[in-house]
């Protein structure tokens, strides 16, 4: 059974769908079952810069309050935003709502949302490494 806000991807063509309504059955694309994208919360690609003792991740969404709302930055070190490897979108989940910003190669890996609520969760989708959550 699917659940609201789950993300599925077709391993054949790359189609991605987000569940808006819970339902039974199997999602199929290109005659194959679509694969549920698990929300990663621990970055296996953590790097240690040679000039510091601090470990840096490049995928975990970091939530910051601003005067205008919520700023979501991806990673404690900026995520690459290259043609073959970039953050495709950032999503803010708050109070039963979903706010999403789509990004392109060359953009900064961040998004600001005009939301003044607490208890938010952020997710981001990397073109190579899949779904990440705060």
C-alpha atoms as a PDB file:
ATOM      1  CA  UNK A   1       0.000   0.000   0.000  1.00  0.00           C
ATOM      2  CA  UNK A   2       1.314   3.435  -0.901  1.00  0.00           C
ATOM      3  CA  UNK A   3       1.467   6.295   1.619  1.00  0.00           C
ATOM      4  CA  UNK A   4       1.041  10.046   1.116  1.00  0.00           C
ATOM      5  CA  UNK A   5       4.328  11.820   0.222  1.00  0.00           C
ATOM      6  CA  UNK A   6       6.184   8.643  -0.754  1.00  0.00           C
ATOM      7  CA  UNK A   7       8.418   9.024  -3.813  1.00  0.00           C
ATOM      8  CA  UNK A   8       8.697   6.281  -6.458  1.00  0.00           C
ATOM      9  CA  UNK A   9      11.095   6.081  -9.405  1.00  0.00           C
ATOM     10  CA  UNK A  10      11.145   4.000 -12.572  1.00  0.00           C
ATOM     11  CA  UNK A  11      14.563   2.351 -12.986  1.00  0.00           C
ATOM     12  CA  UNK A  12      13.996   2.105 -16.765  1.00  0.00           C
ATOM     13  CA  UNK A  13      12.993   5.625 -17.899  1.00  0.00           C
ATOM     14  CA  UNK A  14      13.609   7.674 -14.748  1.00  0.00           C
ATOM     15  CA  UNK A  15      10.016   8.839 -14.213  1.00  0.00           C
ATOM     16  CA  UNK A  16       9.428   9.981 -10.622  1.00  0.00           C
ATOM     17  CA  UNK A  17       6.032  10.182  -8.901  1.00  0.00           C
ATOM     18  CA  UNK A  18       4.974  11.476  -5.489  1.00  0.00           C
ATOM     19  CA  UNK A  19       1.968   9.891  -3.819  1.00  0.00           C
ATOM     20  CA  UNK A  20      -0.836  12.389  -3.191  1.00  0.00           C
ATOM     21  CA  UNK A  21      -3.455   9.860  -2.068  1.00  0.00           C
ATOM     22  CA  UNK A  22      -2.950   6.581  -0.189  1.00  0.00           C
ATOM     23  CA  UNK A  23      -3.994   3.553  -2.183  1.00  0.00           C
ATOM     24  CA  UNK A  24      -3.608  -0.135  -2.741  1.00  0.00           C
ATOM     25  CA  UNK A  25      -1.927  -1.698  -5.711  1.00  0.00           C
ATOM     26  CA  UNK A  26       1.487  -1.484  -7.298  1.00  0.00           C
ATOM     27  CA  UNK A  27       2.903   1.437  -9.239  1.00  0.00           C
ATOM     28  CA  UNK A  28       4.174   0.271 -12.630  1.00  0.00           C
ATOM     29  CA  UNK A  29       6.110   2.120 -15.332  1.00  0.00           C
ATOM     30  CA  UNK A  30       7.776   0.674 -18.460  1.00  0.00           C
ATOM     31  CA  UNK A  31       6.153  -2.679 -17.555  1.00  0.00           C
ATOM     32  CA  UNK A  32       8.174  -2.842 -14.286  1.00  0.00           C
ATOM     33  CA  UNK A  33       7.299  -2.057 -10.668  1.00  0.00           C
ATOM     34  CA  UNK A  34       8.438   1.409  -9.634  1.00  0.00           C
ATOM     35  CA  UNK A  35      10.983   1.536  -6.810  1.00  0.00           C
ATOM     36  CA  UNK A  36      10.172   3.300  -3.524  1.00  0.00           C
ATOM     37  CA  UNK A  37      12.811   5.950  -2.787  1.00  0.00           C
ATOM     38  CA  UNK A  38      13.762   5.625   0.867  1.00  0.00           C
ATOM     39  CA  UNK A  39      14.467   8.897   2.681  1.00  0.00           C
ATOM     40  CA  UNK A  40      18.143   8.901   3.584  1.00  0.00           C
ATOM     41  CA  UNK A  41      19.059  10.807   6.733  1.00  0.00           C
ATOM     42  CA  UNK A  42      22.712   9.812   7.147  1.00  0.00           C
ATOM     43  CA  UNK A  43      25.114  10.839   4.411  1.00  0.00           C
ATOM     44  CA  UNK A  44      27.464   8.005   3.454  1.00  0.00           C
ATOM     45  CA  UNK A  45      29.309  10.506   1.259  1.00  0.00           C
ATOM     46  CA  UNK A  46      30.564  12.562   4.196  1.00  0.00           C
ATOM     47  CA  UNK A  47      33.896  14.131   3.402  1.00  0.00           C
ATOM     48  CA  UNK A  48      36.652  15.455   5.634  1.00  0.00           C
ATOM     49  CA  UNK A  49      38.338  18.491   4.080  1.00  0.00           C
ATOM     50  CA  UNK A  50      42.106  18.309   4.415  1.00  0.00           C
ATOM     51  CA  UNK A  51      42.308  21.630   6.260  1.00  0.00           C
ATOM     52  CA  UNK A  52      39.754  20.890   9.003  1.00  0.00           C
ATOM     53  CA  UNK A  53      38.654  18.249  11.507  1.00  0.00           C
ATOM     54  CA  UNK A  54      34.973  18.871  10.764  1.00  0.00           C
ATOM     55  CA  UNK A  55      33.139  16.298   8.666  1.00  0.00           C
ATOM     56  CA  UNK A  56      30.950  17.718   5.889  1.00  0.00           C
ATOM     57  CA  UNK A  57      27.897  16.188   4.270  1.00  0.00           C
ATOM     58  CA  UNK A  58      26.556  17.214   0.884  1.00  0.00           C
ATOM     59  CA  UNK A  59      23.003  15.843   0.932  1.00  0.00           C
ATOM     60  CA  UNK A  60      21.210  16.434   4.253  1.00  0.00           C
ATOM     61  CA  UNK A  61      18.785  19.403   4.097  1.00  0.00           C
ATOM     62  CA  UNK A  62      19.589  22.050   6.717  1.00  0.00           C
ATOM     63  CA  UNK A  63      16.656  24.196   7.878  1.00  0.00           C
ATOM     64  CA  UNK A  64      17.210  27.831   8.912  1.00  0.00           C
ATOM     65  CA  UNK A  65      14.626  30.414   9.975  1.00  0.00           C
ATOM     66  CA  UNK A  66      14.855  33.772   8.207  1.00  0.00           C
ATOM     67  CA  UNK A  67      12.909  37.036   8.399  1.00  0.00           C
ATOM     68  CA  UNK A  68      10.889  35.906   5.368  1.00  0.00           C
ATOM     69  CA  UNK A  69      10.325  32.260   6.352  1.00  0.00           C
ATOM     70  CA  UNK A  70      12.380  29.089   6.040  1.00  0.00           C
ATOM     71  CA  UNK A  71      15.642  28.676   4.136  1.00  0.00           C
ATOM     72  CA  UNK A  72      16.659  25.122   3.226  1.00  0.00           C
ATOM     73  CA  UNK A  73      20.300  24.595   2.281  1.00  0.00           C
ATOM     74  CA  UNK A  74      21.542  21.248   1.054  1.00  0.00           C
ATOM     75  CA  UNK A  75      24.533  19.949   2.977  1.00  0.00           C
ATOM     76  CA  UNK A  76      26.939  21.526   5.426  1.00  0.00           C
ATOM     77  CA  UNK A  77      29.199  21.843   2.368  1.00  0.00           C
ATOM     78  CA  UNK A  78      27.479  22.991  -0.846  1.00  0.00           C
ATOM     79  CA  UNK A  79      26.205  20.143  -3.000  1.00  0.00           C
ATOM     80  CA  UNK A  80      27.567  20.026  -6.587  1.00  0.00           C
ATOM     81  CA  UNK A  81      25.162  21.526  -9.117  1.00  0.00           C
ATOM     82  CA  UNK A  82      26.595  20.073 -12.320  1.00  0.00           C
ATOM     83  CA  UNK A  83      24.730  18.721 -15.349  1.00  0.00           C
ATOM     84  CA  UNK A  84      25.301  15.078 -14.331  1.00  0.00           C
ATOM     85  CA  UNK A  85      24.993  15.576 -10.549  1.00  0.00           C
ATOM     86  CA  UNK A  86      22.679  18.115  -8.942  1.00  0.00           C
ATOM     87  CA  UNK A  87      19.805  18.638  -6.524  1.00  0.00           C
ATOM     88  CA  UNK A  88      16.680  18.359  -8.697  1.00  0.00           C
ATOM     89  CA  UNK A  89      14.228  19.714  -6.097  1.00  0.00           C
ATOM     90  CA  UNK A  90      13.812  20.779  -2.491  1.00  0.00           C
ATOM     91  CA  UNK A  91      10.540  20.199  -0.661  1.00  0.00           C
ATOM     92  CA  UNK A  92       9.271  21.628   2.617  1.00  0.00           C
ATOM     93  CA  UNK A  93       6.580  19.623   4.435  1.00  0.00           C
ATOM     94  CA  UNK A  94       4.623  21.710   6.956  1.00  0.00           C
ATOM     95  CA  UNK A  95       1.141  21.541   8.448  1.00  0.00           C
ATOM     96  CA  UNK A  96      -0.231  19.094   5.885  1.00  0.00           C
ATOM     97  CA  UNK A  97       1.182  21.159   3.020  1.00  0.00           C
ATOM     98  CA  UNK A  98       3.984  20.500   0.579  1.00  0.00           C
ATOM     99  CA  UNK A  99       6.027  23.369  -0.861  1.00  0.00           C
ATOM    100  CA  UNK A 100       8.492  22.469  -3.618  1.00  0.00           C
ATOM    101  CA  UNK A 101      11.194  24.326  -5.544  1.00  0.00           C
ATOM    102  CA  UNK A 102      12.741  22.795  -8.658  1.00  0.00           C
ATOM    103  CA  UNK A 103      16.421  23.517  -9.332  1.00  0.00           C
ATOM    104  CA  UNK A 104      18.689  23.354 -12.379  1.00  0.00           C
ATOM    105  CA  UNK A 105      22.408  22.735 -12.816  1.00  0.00           C
ATOM    106  CA  UNK A 106      24.254  25.931 -11.907  1.00  0.00           C
ATOM    107  CA  UNK A 107      21.654  27.043  -9.322  1.00  0.00           C
ATOM    108  CA  UNK A 108      22.565  27.339  -5.664  1.00  0.00           C
ATOM    109  CA  UNK A 109      21.548  24.188  -3.747  1.00  0.00           C
ATOM    110  CA  UNK A 110      19.035  26.019  -1.563  1.00  0.00           C
ATOM    111  CA  UNK A 111      15.463  27.315  -1.513  1.00  0.00           C
ATOM    112  CA  UNK A 112      13.600  29.831   0.626  1.00  0.00           C
ATOM    113  CA  UNK A 113       9.943  29.291   1.461  1.00  0.00           C
ATOM    114  CA  UNK A 114       7.623  32.012   2.820  1.00  0.00           C
ATOM    115  CA  UNK A 115       6.382  29.861   5.694  1.00  0.00           C
ATOM    116  CA  UNK A 116       6.179  31.040   9.308  1.00  0.00           C
ATOM    117  CA  UNK A 117       5.360  27.728  11.001  1.00  0.00           C
ATOM    118  CA  UNK A 118       7.350  25.466  13.301  1.00  0.00           C
ATOM    119  CA  UNK A 119       7.654  21.700  12.984  1.00  0.00           C
ATOM    120  CA  UNK A 120       8.773  21.664   9.367  1.00  0.00           C
ATOM    121  CA  UNK A 121      10.610  18.862   7.600  1.00  0.00           C
ATOM    122  CA  UNK A 122      12.678  19.247   4.446  1.00  0.00           C
ATOM    123  CA  UNK A 123      13.488  16.777   1.687  1.00  0.00           C
ATOM    124  CA  UNK A 124      15.753  17.012  -1.341  1.00  0.00           C
ATOM    125  CA  UNK A 125      16.294  14.816  -4.379  1.00  0.00           C
ATOM    126  CA  UNK A 126      19.813  14.317  -5.768  1.00  0.00           C
ATOM    127  CA  UNK A 127      20.019  13.192  -9.392  1.00  0.00           C
ATOM    128  CA  UNK A 128      22.643  10.560  -8.447  1.00  0.00           C
ATOM    129  CA  UNK A 129      22.013   9.724  -4.788  1.00  0.00           C
ATOM    130  CA  UNK A 130      18.239   9.868  -4.438  1.00  0.00           C
ATOM    131  CA  UNK A 131      16.002  11.191  -1.657  1.00  0.00           C
ATOM    132  CA  UNK A 132      17.273  12.896   1.513  1.00  0.00           C
ATOM    133  CA  UNK A 133      15.445  14.278   4.551  1.00  0.00           C
ATOM    134  CA  UNK A 134      16.268  16.659   7.376  1.00  0.00           C
END
